[in-house]
Amino acid sequence: MSISLFDVSVRSFIQTLGGVSNFLDRGLSHFQDNNVDPNAVVEARLFDDMLPFAFQIHSVLHHSIGAIEAVKKGESGVPSPMPARTYADMQAAIAEAKAALEKFDPAEINALEGSDMFFQIGTNRLPFTAEGYLMSFALPNLHFHATTAYDILRTKGVPLGKRDYLGPMRMKV
C-alpha cells in the first residue's frame, strides 16, 4: 500500500482540526454549564512565558490550511499577525479551515510532491521539499499547538480525554 502526500498531510490535518473542533465544542458546553464566559479563556496561558490560547488556535490554522496554501506558493514564514478573536470566532475559523481542506483534490496535492518549499524566519531561508515541510515542520507544529490549546482548556476544568483530541479516525469500513 502506498501512502500519498494528500493522505499524510490534508487527511491528517482534517483529523486534527476535527479534534480541535470537538474539544472547542466541549469547552463551550462546559463554560455554558458553569456560567463562565468562554472568552475568559482567549488570553489564558499554561505559563506566563507561553503564548495564549488564541495564539494556539491561530497557529493550528497556520500549520494546517496555511501550510497547504504555503506549499502551493512554495514559501511560508511565521504566522501572520493574529486577529482579535472571540471563542466563537475561533470555532468558526477552525470549521472554515476544515471545510477548505475537505475541498482539496488529492491529485492537486499529490502533484506538489518534490516541489521546492522555503520557510523564511528572519534572515534565514530554510529549504524544504513540499513533503519535507509538511511532515517534518507543519504536522509537528500543528500537534504542538493543538495539544497546547487542549491543555489550556483542561486547566480551566473542561472535562476532556484523549478521544476528544483524536478527531475522526480513518478506520477500515
N, C-alpha and C. Protein backbone atom coordinates (compact mmCIF):
# COMPACT_ATOMS: atom_id res chain seq x y z
N MET A 1 0.84 -1.18 0.00
CA MET A 1 0.00 0.00 0.00
C MET A 1 0.88 1.24 0.00
N SER A 2 0.61 2.13 -0.89
CA SER A 2 1.35 3.39 -0.87
C SER A 2 0.53 4.46 -0.17
N ILE A 3 1.22 5.38 0.42
CA ILE A 3 0.58 6.50 1.11
C ILE A 3 0.95 7.76 0.35
N SER A 4 -0.02 8.56 0.06
CA SER A 4 0.21 9.76 -0.75
C SER A 4 0.46 10.99 0.13
N LEU A 5 0.97 12.02 -0.51
CA LEU A 5 1.17 13.30 0.17
C LEU A 5 -0.17 13.83 0.70
N PHE A 6 -1.22 13.67 -0.05
CA PHE A 6 -2.55 14.07 0.38
C PHE A 6 -2.95 13.35 1.67
N ASP A 7 -2.68 12.03 1.72
CA ASP A 7 -3.04 11.24 2.90
C ASP A 7 -2.31 11.71 4.14
N VAL A 8 -1.00 11.94 4.02
CA VAL A 8 -0.21 12.28 5.21
C VAL A 8 -0.34 13.74 5.61
N SER A 9 -0.85 14.57 4.72
CA SER A 9 -0.99 15.98 5.08
C SER A 9 -2.46 16.35 5.23
N VAL A 10 -3.16 16.51 4.14
CA VAL A 10 -4.53 17.01 4.20
C VAL A 10 -5.43 16.14 5.07
N ARG A 11 -5.38 14.83 4.88
CA ARG A 11 -6.25 13.97 5.70
C ARG A 11 -5.87 14.03 7.17
N SER A 12 -4.57 14.13 7.46
CA SER A 12 -4.14 14.25 8.86
C SER A 12 -4.57 15.60 9.43
N PHE A 13 -4.46 16.66 8.64
CA PHE A 13 -4.88 17.98 9.11
C PHE A 13 -6.39 17.99 9.39
N ILE A 14 -7.17 17.37 8.50
CA ILE A 14 -8.62 17.32 8.70
C ILE A 14 -8.94 16.58 10.00
N GLN A 15 -8.27 15.49 10.26
CA GLN A 15 -8.50 14.74 11.50
C GLN A 15 -8.19 15.60 12.72
N THR A 16 -7.05 16.28 12.69
CA THR A 16 -6.67 17.11 13.84
C THR A 16 -7.64 18.28 14.02
N LEU A 17 -8.03 18.91 12.92
CA LEU A 17 -9.00 20.01 13.04
C LEU A 17 -10.35 19.50 13.55
N GLY A 18 -10.70 18.26 13.20
CA GLY A 18 -11.91 17.66 13.76
C GLY A 18 -11.81 17.52 15.27
N GLY A 19 -10.63 17.10 15.74
CA GLY A 19 -10.42 17.01 17.18
C GLY A 19 -10.47 18.37 17.85
N VAL A 20 -9.82 19.36 17.24
CA VAL A 20 -9.84 20.72 17.81
C VAL A 20 -11.27 21.25 17.86
N SER A 21 -12.01 21.05 16.79
CA SER A 21 -13.41 21.48 16.76
C SER A 21 -14.19 20.81 17.89
N ASN A 22 -13.94 19.53 18.07
CA ASN A 22 -14.62 18.78 19.12
C ASN A 22 -14.29 19.32 20.51
N PHE A 23 -12.99 19.53 20.78
CA PHE A 23 -12.69 19.99 22.14
C PHE A 23 -13.08 21.44 22.36
N LEU A 24 -13.15 22.23 21.29
CA LEU A 24 -13.68 23.59 21.44
C LEU A 24 -15.18 23.54 21.77
N ASP A 25 -15.91 22.64 21.12
CA ASP A 25 -17.33 22.48 21.42
C ASP A 25 -17.54 22.01 22.85
N ARG A 26 -16.73 21.04 23.27
CA ARG A 26 -16.83 20.55 24.66
C ARG A 26 -16.51 21.67 25.64
N GLY A 27 -15.53 22.51 25.28
CA GLY A 27 -15.18 23.64 26.13
C GLY A 27 -16.34 24.61 26.25
N LEU A 28 -16.97 24.93 25.14
CA LEU A 28 -18.10 25.85 25.16
C LEU A 28 -19.23 25.31 26.03
N SER A 29 -19.53 24.03 25.87
CA SER A 29 -20.59 23.42 26.70
C SER A 29 -20.25 23.51 28.18
N HIS A 30 -18.99 23.22 28.50
CA HIS A 30 -18.55 23.28 29.90
C HIS A 30 -18.70 24.71 30.44
N PHE A 31 -18.24 25.67 29.67
CA PHE A 31 -18.32 27.06 30.14
C PHE A 31 -19.78 27.49 30.31
N GLN A 32 -20.64 27.14 29.36
CA GLN A 32 -22.06 27.49 29.48
C GLN A 32 -22.71 26.82 30.68
N ASP A 33 -22.40 25.53 30.87
CA ASP A 33 -22.98 24.79 32.01
C ASP A 33 -22.54 25.37 33.36
N ASN A 34 -21.39 26.03 33.38
CA ASN A 34 -20.84 26.56 34.63
C ASN A 34 -20.88 28.08 34.70
N ASN A 35 -21.69 28.69 33.82
CA ASN A 35 -21.85 30.15 33.80
C ASN A 35 -20.52 30.89 33.74
N VAL A 36 -19.63 30.40 32.86
CA VAL A 36 -18.33 31.03 32.65
C VAL A 36 -18.31 31.60 31.23
N ASP A 37 -17.87 32.82 31.10
CA ASP A 37 -17.74 33.42 29.77
C ASP A 37 -16.64 32.69 29.01
N PRO A 38 -16.94 32.07 27.88
CA PRO A 38 -15.90 31.34 27.14
C PRO A 38 -14.77 32.25 26.67
N ASN A 39 -15.04 33.54 26.54
CA ASN A 39 -13.99 34.46 26.12
C ASN A 39 -12.93 34.67 27.19
N ALA A 40 -13.22 34.22 28.42
CA ALA A 40 -12.24 34.32 29.50
C ALA A 40 -11.02 33.45 29.23
N VAL A 41 -11.16 32.43 28.36
CA VAL A 41 -10.04 31.54 28.06
C VAL A 41 -9.17 32.07 26.91
N VAL A 42 -9.65 33.04 26.17
CA VAL A 42 -8.94 33.52 24.98
C VAL A 42 -7.50 33.94 25.28
N GLU A 43 -7.27 34.57 26.39
CA GLU A 43 -5.92 35.03 26.74
C GLU A 43 -5.23 34.12 27.77
N ALA A 44 -5.86 33.00 28.08
CA ALA A 44 -5.28 32.08 29.08
C ALA A 44 -4.00 31.44 28.54
N ARG A 45 -3.07 31.19 29.45
CA ARG A 45 -1.79 30.57 29.11
C ARG A 45 -1.50 29.45 30.10
N LEU A 46 -0.69 28.49 29.66
CA LEU A 46 -0.25 27.45 30.59
C LEU A 46 0.76 28.02 31.58
N PHE A 47 1.65 28.84 31.07
CA PHE A 47 2.68 29.50 31.87
C PHE A 47 2.84 30.92 31.34
N ASP A 48 3.31 31.82 32.19
CA ASP A 48 3.43 33.22 31.81
C ASP A 48 4.26 33.45 30.55
N ASP A 49 5.27 32.62 30.34
CA ASP A 49 6.15 32.85 29.19
C ASP A 49 5.67 32.14 27.91
N MET A 50 4.46 31.56 27.96
CA MET A 50 3.90 30.91 26.78
C MET A 50 2.84 31.81 26.16
N LEU A 51 2.59 31.62 24.87
CA LEU A 51 1.57 32.41 24.19
C LEU A 51 0.18 31.90 24.54
N PRO A 52 -0.84 32.78 24.43
CA PRO A 52 -2.18 32.45 24.92
C PRO A 52 -2.95 31.48 24.01
N PHE A 53 -4.08 31.06 24.54
CA PHE A 53 -4.99 30.15 23.86
C PHE A 53 -5.29 30.62 22.44
N ALA A 54 -5.61 31.90 22.27
CA ALA A 54 -5.94 32.42 20.93
C ALA A 54 -4.78 32.21 19.96
N PHE A 55 -3.54 32.37 20.43
CA PHE A 55 -2.39 32.13 19.56
C PHE A 55 -2.29 30.65 19.19
N GLN A 56 -2.61 29.78 20.13
CA GLN A 56 -2.53 28.34 19.84
C GLN A 56 -3.51 27.97 18.72
N ILE A 57 -4.71 28.51 18.78
CA ILE A 57 -5.70 28.24 17.72
C ILE A 57 -5.26 28.89 16.41
N HIS A 58 -4.73 30.10 16.48
CA HIS A 58 -4.22 30.78 15.28
C HIS A 58 -3.11 29.93 14.64
N SER A 59 -2.28 29.35 15.44
CA SER A 59 -1.19 28.51 14.93
C SER A 59 -1.70 27.19 14.36
N VAL A 60 -2.76 26.65 14.94
CA VAL A 60 -3.39 25.46 14.35
C VAL A 60 -3.82 25.76 12.92
N LEU A 61 -4.40 26.92 12.72
CA LEU A 61 -4.80 27.32 11.37
C LEU A 61 -3.59 27.51 10.46
N HIS A 62 -2.57 28.15 10.98
CA HIS A 62 -1.35 28.41 10.19
C HIS A 62 -0.67 27.12 9.75
N HIS A 63 -0.67 26.13 10.61
CA HIS A 63 0.05 24.88 10.32
C HIS A 63 -0.84 23.80 9.71
N SER A 64 -2.05 24.15 9.32
CA SER A 64 -2.92 23.19 8.62
C SER A 64 -3.29 23.78 7.26
N ILE A 65 -4.38 24.51 7.20
CA ILE A 65 -4.76 25.11 5.91
C ILE A 65 -3.68 26.07 5.43
N GLY A 66 -3.06 26.79 6.35
CA GLY A 66 -1.99 27.71 5.97
C GLY A 66 -0.78 26.98 5.39
N ALA A 67 -0.50 25.79 5.89
CA ALA A 67 0.64 25.02 5.37
C ALA A 67 0.38 24.54 3.95
N ILE A 68 -0.84 24.11 3.67
CA ILE A 68 -1.16 23.67 2.31
C ILE A 68 -1.09 24.86 1.35
N GLU A 69 -1.64 25.98 1.76
CA GLU A 69 -1.58 27.18 0.91
C GLU A 69 -0.13 27.60 0.68
N ALA A 70 0.70 27.48 1.72
CA ALA A 70 2.12 27.85 1.60
C ALA A 70 2.85 26.93 0.63
N VAL A 71 2.59 25.63 0.73
CA VAL A 71 3.25 24.68 -0.18
C VAL A 71 2.85 24.97 -1.62
N LYS A 72 1.61 25.35 -1.83
CA LYS A 72 1.17 25.69 -3.19
C LYS A 72 1.93 26.91 -3.72
N LYS A 73 2.26 27.86 -2.82
CA LYS A 73 3.03 29.05 -3.21
C LYS A 73 4.53 28.78 -3.22
N GLY A 74 4.96 27.78 -2.46
CA GLY A 74 6.38 27.46 -2.36
C GLY A 74 7.11 28.21 -1.27
N GLU A 75 6.37 28.89 -0.42
CA GLU A 75 7.03 29.62 0.67
C GLU A 75 6.09 29.85 1.84
N SER A 76 6.71 29.95 3.00
CA SER A 76 5.97 30.21 4.23
C SER A 76 6.86 31.00 5.17
N GLY A 77 6.30 31.39 6.27
CA GLY A 77 7.05 32.10 7.30
C GLY A 77 6.30 32.01 8.61
N VAL A 78 6.67 32.86 9.53
CA VAL A 78 5.99 32.88 10.82
C VAL A 78 4.54 33.26 10.60
N PRO A 79 3.66 32.88 11.52
CA PRO A 79 2.24 33.22 11.34
C PRO A 79 2.03 34.72 11.17
N SER A 80 1.02 35.05 10.38
CA SER A 80 0.64 36.45 10.20
C SER A 80 0.17 37.00 11.54
N PRO A 81 0.10 38.33 11.64
CA PRO A 81 -0.40 38.89 12.91
C PRO A 81 -1.76 38.29 13.25
N MET A 82 -1.93 38.02 14.51
CA MET A 82 -3.13 37.36 14.97
C MET A 82 -4.27 38.35 15.11
N PRO A 83 -5.40 38.07 14.43
CA PRO A 83 -6.55 38.95 14.61
C PRO A 83 -7.17 38.75 15.98
N ALA A 84 -7.84 39.78 16.47
CA ALA A 84 -8.57 39.62 17.74
C ALA A 84 -9.73 38.68 17.47
N ARG A 85 -9.86 37.66 18.31
CA ARG A 85 -10.92 36.66 18.10
C ARG A 85 -11.60 36.33 19.40
N THR A 86 -12.90 36.13 19.28
CA THR A 86 -13.66 35.61 20.41
C THR A 86 -13.60 34.08 20.33
N TYR A 87 -14.09 33.44 21.36
CA TYR A 87 -14.15 31.98 21.35
C TYR A 87 -14.96 31.50 20.15
N ALA A 88 -16.09 32.14 19.90
CA ALA A 88 -16.95 31.77 18.76
C ALA A 88 -16.22 31.99 17.44
N ASP A 89 -15.45 33.07 17.34
CA ASP A 89 -14.65 33.32 16.13
C ASP A 89 -13.66 32.19 15.88
N MET A 90 -13.04 31.71 16.95
CA MET A 90 -12.07 30.63 16.81
C MET A 90 -12.75 29.34 16.36
N GLN A 91 -13.92 29.06 16.91
CA GLN A 91 -14.67 27.88 16.47
C GLN A 91 -15.01 27.99 14.98
N ALA A 92 -15.45 29.15 14.56
CA ALA A 92 -15.80 29.35 13.15
C ALA A 92 -14.58 29.22 12.26
N ALA A 93 -13.45 29.77 12.67
CA ALA A 93 -12.23 29.70 11.86
C ALA A 93 -11.76 28.25 11.69
N ILE A 94 -11.86 27.45 12.74
CA ILE A 94 -11.49 26.03 12.65
C ILE A 94 -12.43 25.32 11.68
N ALA A 95 -13.73 25.58 11.79
CA ALA A 95 -14.71 24.95 10.89
C ALA A 95 -14.45 25.35 9.43
N GLU A 96 -14.14 26.62 9.20
CA GLU A 96 -13.86 27.08 7.83
C GLU A 96 -12.60 26.44 7.27
N ALA A 97 -11.57 26.33 8.10
CA ALA A 97 -10.32 25.71 7.64
C ALA A 97 -10.54 24.24 7.31
N LYS A 98 -11.29 23.55 8.15
CA LYS A 98 -11.57 22.13 7.90
C LYS A 98 -12.36 21.98 6.60
N ALA A 99 -13.35 22.82 6.39
CA ALA A 99 -14.15 22.78 5.15
C ALA A 99 -13.28 23.06 3.93
N ALA A 100 -12.35 24.00 4.04
CA ALA A 100 -11.46 24.31 2.93
C ALA A 100 -10.54 23.13 2.61
N LEU A 101 -10.02 22.48 3.65
CA LEU A 101 -9.17 21.30 3.44
C LEU A 101 -9.94 20.18 2.76
N GLU A 102 -11.19 20.01 3.14
CA GLU A 102 -12.01 18.94 2.56
C GLU A 102 -12.28 19.14 1.07
N LYS A 103 -12.08 20.34 0.58
CA LYS A 103 -12.33 20.63 -0.84
C LYS A 103 -11.12 20.36 -1.74
N PHE A 104 -9.95 20.14 -1.16
CA PHE A 104 -8.77 19.92 -1.98
C PHE A 104 -8.87 18.60 -2.75
N ASP A 105 -8.44 18.64 -3.98
CA ASP A 105 -8.38 17.46 -4.82
C ASP A 105 -7.08 16.71 -4.52
N PRO A 106 -7.16 15.42 -4.21
CA PRO A 106 -5.93 14.68 -3.91
C PRO A 106 -4.86 14.81 -5.00
N ALA A 107 -5.27 14.77 -6.26
CA ALA A 107 -4.30 14.86 -7.35
C ALA A 107 -3.55 16.20 -7.31
N GLU A 108 -4.24 17.26 -6.96
CA GLU A 108 -3.61 18.58 -6.87
C GLU A 108 -2.53 18.60 -5.79
N ILE A 109 -2.83 18.02 -4.65
CA ILE A 109 -1.86 18.00 -3.55
C ILE A 109 -0.72 17.02 -3.86
N ASN A 110 -1.04 15.86 -4.37
CA ASN A 110 -0.01 14.87 -4.70
C ASN A 110 0.95 15.39 -5.76
N ALA A 111 0.48 16.26 -6.63
CA ALA A 111 1.34 16.83 -7.67
C ALA A 111 2.40 17.76 -7.09
N LEU A 112 2.24 18.19 -5.86
CA LEU A 112 3.20 19.09 -5.21
C LEU A 112 4.43 18.35 -4.69
N GLU A 113 4.35 17.02 -4.62
CA GLU A 113 5.46 16.23 -4.08
C GLU A 113 6.76 16.54 -4.84
N GLY A 114 7.80 16.78 -4.06
CA GLY A 114 9.11 17.09 -4.63
C GLY A 114 9.32 18.55 -4.97
N SER A 115 8.27 19.36 -4.88
CA SER A 115 8.43 20.78 -5.21
C SER A 115 9.20 21.50 -4.11
N ASP A 116 9.87 22.56 -4.50
CA ASP A 116 10.65 23.35 -3.54
C ASP A 116 9.73 24.14 -2.63
N MET A 117 10.12 24.22 -1.39
CA MET A 117 9.37 24.94 -0.37
C MET A 117 10.38 25.62 0.54
N PHE A 118 10.17 26.89 0.82
CA PHE A 118 11.08 27.64 1.68
C PHE A 118 10.31 28.23 2.86
N PHE A 119 10.94 28.14 4.02
CA PHE A 119 10.38 28.77 5.21
C PHE A 119 11.30 29.90 5.60
N GLN A 120 10.76 31.11 5.60
CA GLN A 120 11.53 32.31 5.92
C GLN A 120 11.30 32.68 7.37
N ILE A 121 12.40 32.74 8.12
CA ILE A 121 12.33 33.19 9.52
C ILE A 121 13.47 34.17 9.71
N GLY A 122 13.12 35.43 9.86
CA GLY A 122 14.14 36.47 9.92
C GLY A 122 14.92 36.49 8.62
N THR A 123 16.23 36.43 8.73
CA THR A 123 17.06 36.42 7.53
C THR A 123 17.36 35.00 7.04
N ASN A 124 16.90 34.01 7.78
CA ASN A 124 17.13 32.61 7.40
C ASN A 124 16.03 32.13 6.46
N ARG A 125 16.46 31.48 5.39
CA ARG A 125 15.54 30.90 4.42
C ARG A 125 15.80 29.39 4.41
N LEU A 126 14.91 28.64 5.06
CA LEU A 126 15.10 27.21 5.23
C LEU A 126 14.52 26.46 4.04
N PRO A 127 15.35 25.66 3.34
CA PRO A 127 14.86 24.94 2.16
C PRO A 127 14.24 23.59 2.54
N PHE A 128 13.11 23.28 1.94
CA PHE A 128 12.41 22.01 2.13
C PHE A 128 11.90 21.54 0.77
N THR A 129 11.51 20.28 0.71
CA THR A 129 10.60 19.84 -0.33
C THR A 129 9.21 20.00 0.27
N ALA A 130 8.19 19.95 -0.56
CA ALA A 130 6.83 20.08 -0.05
C ALA A 130 6.54 19.05 1.03
N GLU A 131 6.90 17.78 0.74
CA GLU A 131 6.61 16.73 1.71
C GLU A 131 7.46 16.85 2.96
N GLY A 132 8.69 17.30 2.82
CA GLY A 132 9.55 17.50 3.98
C GLY A 132 8.99 18.58 4.90
N TYR A 133 8.52 19.67 4.30
CA TYR A 133 7.93 20.76 5.08
C TYR A 133 6.65 20.30 5.79
N LEU A 134 5.77 19.64 5.06
CA LEU A 134 4.50 19.23 5.64
C LEU A 134 4.68 18.20 6.75
N MET A 135 5.56 17.22 6.53
CA MET A 135 5.69 16.13 7.50
C MET A 135 6.64 16.44 8.65
N SER A 136 7.67 17.27 8.41
CA SER A 136 8.64 17.49 9.49
C SER A 136 8.53 18.86 10.14
N PHE A 137 7.73 19.74 9.59
CA PHE A 137 7.58 21.07 10.17
C PHE A 137 6.11 21.37 10.49
N ALA A 138 5.25 21.34 9.48
CA ALA A 138 3.85 21.72 9.69
C ALA A 138 3.13 20.75 10.63
N LEU A 139 3.22 19.46 10.36
CA LEU A 139 2.48 18.48 11.16
C LEU A 139 2.91 18.49 12.64
N PRO A 140 4.22 18.47 12.95
CA PRO A 140 4.58 18.54 14.37
C PRO A 140 4.13 19.85 15.03
N ASN A 141 4.23 20.97 14.31
CA ASN A 141 3.77 22.25 14.86
C ASN A 141 2.27 22.23 15.09
N LEU A 142 1.54 21.67 14.15
CA LEU A 142 0.09 21.57 14.29
C LEU A 142 -0.26 20.82 15.58
N HIS A 143 0.39 19.69 15.79
CA HIS A 143 0.09 18.91 17.00
C HIS A 143 0.54 19.62 18.28
N PHE A 144 1.66 20.31 18.23
CA PHE A 144 2.12 21.05 19.40
C PHE A 144 1.07 22.09 19.81
N HIS A 145 0.60 22.88 18.85
CA HIS A 145 -0.34 23.96 19.18
C HIS A 145 -1.74 23.43 19.51
N ALA A 146 -2.17 22.36 18.84
CA ALA A 146 -3.46 21.75 19.17
C ALA A 146 -3.41 21.18 20.59
N THR A 147 -2.32 20.52 20.93
CA THR A 147 -2.16 19.95 22.27
C THR A 147 -2.12 21.04 23.33
N THR A 148 -1.44 22.13 23.03
CA THR A 148 -1.36 23.22 23.99
C THR A 148 -2.74 23.85 24.21
N ALA A 149 -3.53 24.03 23.14
CA ALA A 149 -4.89 24.55 23.29
C ALA A 149 -5.73 23.60 24.14
N TYR A 150 -5.62 22.31 23.85
CA TYR A 150 -6.32 21.28 24.64
C TYR A 150 -5.93 21.39 26.11
N ASP A 151 -4.63 21.50 26.36
CA ASP A 151 -4.14 21.57 27.73
C ASP A 151 -4.65 22.82 28.46
N ILE A 152 -4.74 23.92 27.76
CA ILE A 152 -5.26 25.14 28.38
C ILE A 152 -6.72 24.92 28.80
N LEU A 153 -7.51 24.30 27.92
CA LEU A 153 -8.89 24.01 28.30
C LEU A 153 -8.96 23.08 29.50
N ARG A 154 -8.07 22.08 29.54
CA ARG A 154 -8.04 21.17 30.70
C ARG A 154 -7.75 21.94 31.99
N THR A 155 -6.82 22.91 31.92
CA THR A 155 -6.52 23.68 33.14
C THR A 155 -7.69 24.54 33.58
N LYS A 156 -8.63 24.79 32.67
CA LYS A 156 -9.82 25.56 33.00
C LYS A 156 -10.98 24.67 33.43
N GLY A 157 -10.69 23.38 33.62
CA GLY A 157 -11.68 22.46 34.15
C GLY A 157 -12.53 21.75 33.11
N VAL A 158 -12.24 21.95 31.84
CA VAL A 158 -13.03 21.28 30.80
C VAL A 158 -12.72 19.79 30.85
N PRO A 159 -13.74 18.95 31.01
CA PRO A 159 -13.52 17.50 31.12
C PRO A 159 -13.26 16.87 29.75
N LEU A 160 -12.01 16.83 29.37
CA LEU A 160 -11.61 16.27 28.08
C LEU A 160 -10.78 15.02 28.27
N GLY A 161 -10.83 14.16 27.28
CA GLY A 161 -10.00 12.97 27.26
C GLY A 161 -9.33 12.83 25.91
N LYS A 162 -8.57 11.77 25.75
CA LYS A 162 -7.83 11.55 24.51
C LYS A 162 -8.75 11.50 23.29
N ARG A 163 -9.90 10.87 23.42
CA ARG A 163 -10.82 10.78 22.28
C ARG A 163 -11.25 12.16 21.79
N ASP A 164 -11.34 13.12 22.69
CA ASP A 164 -11.72 14.48 22.30
C ASP A 164 -10.65 15.11 21.42
N TYR A 165 -9.41 14.72 21.62
CA TYR A 165 -8.30 15.26 20.84
C TYR A 165 -8.15 14.56 19.49
N LEU A 166 -8.37 13.26 19.46
CA LEU A 166 -8.04 12.47 18.27
C LEU A 166 -8.78 12.86 17.01
N GLY A 167 -10.00 13.32 17.11
CA GLY A 167 -10.76 13.63 15.91
C GLY A 167 -11.20 12.34 15.21
N PRO A 168 -11.85 12.50 14.06
CA PRO A 168 -12.38 11.32 13.37
C PRO A 168 -11.25 10.46 12.78
N MET A 169 -11.12 9.25 13.30
CA MET A 169 -10.06 8.36 12.83
C MET A 169 -10.46 7.73 11.49
N ARG A 170 -9.47 7.34 10.74
CA ARG A 170 -9.72 6.74 9.41
C ARG A 170 -9.74 5.22 9.56
N MET A 171 -10.87 4.74 10.01
CA MET A 171 -10.99 3.31 10.25
C MET A 171 -11.42 2.58 8.98
N LYS A 172 -11.08 1.33 8.92
CA LYS A 172 -11.45 0.48 7.80
C LYS A 172 -12.97 0.33 7.79
N VAL A 173 -13.56 0.52 6.64
CA VAL A 173 -15.01 0.36 6.53
C VAL A 173 -15.36 -0.76 5.58
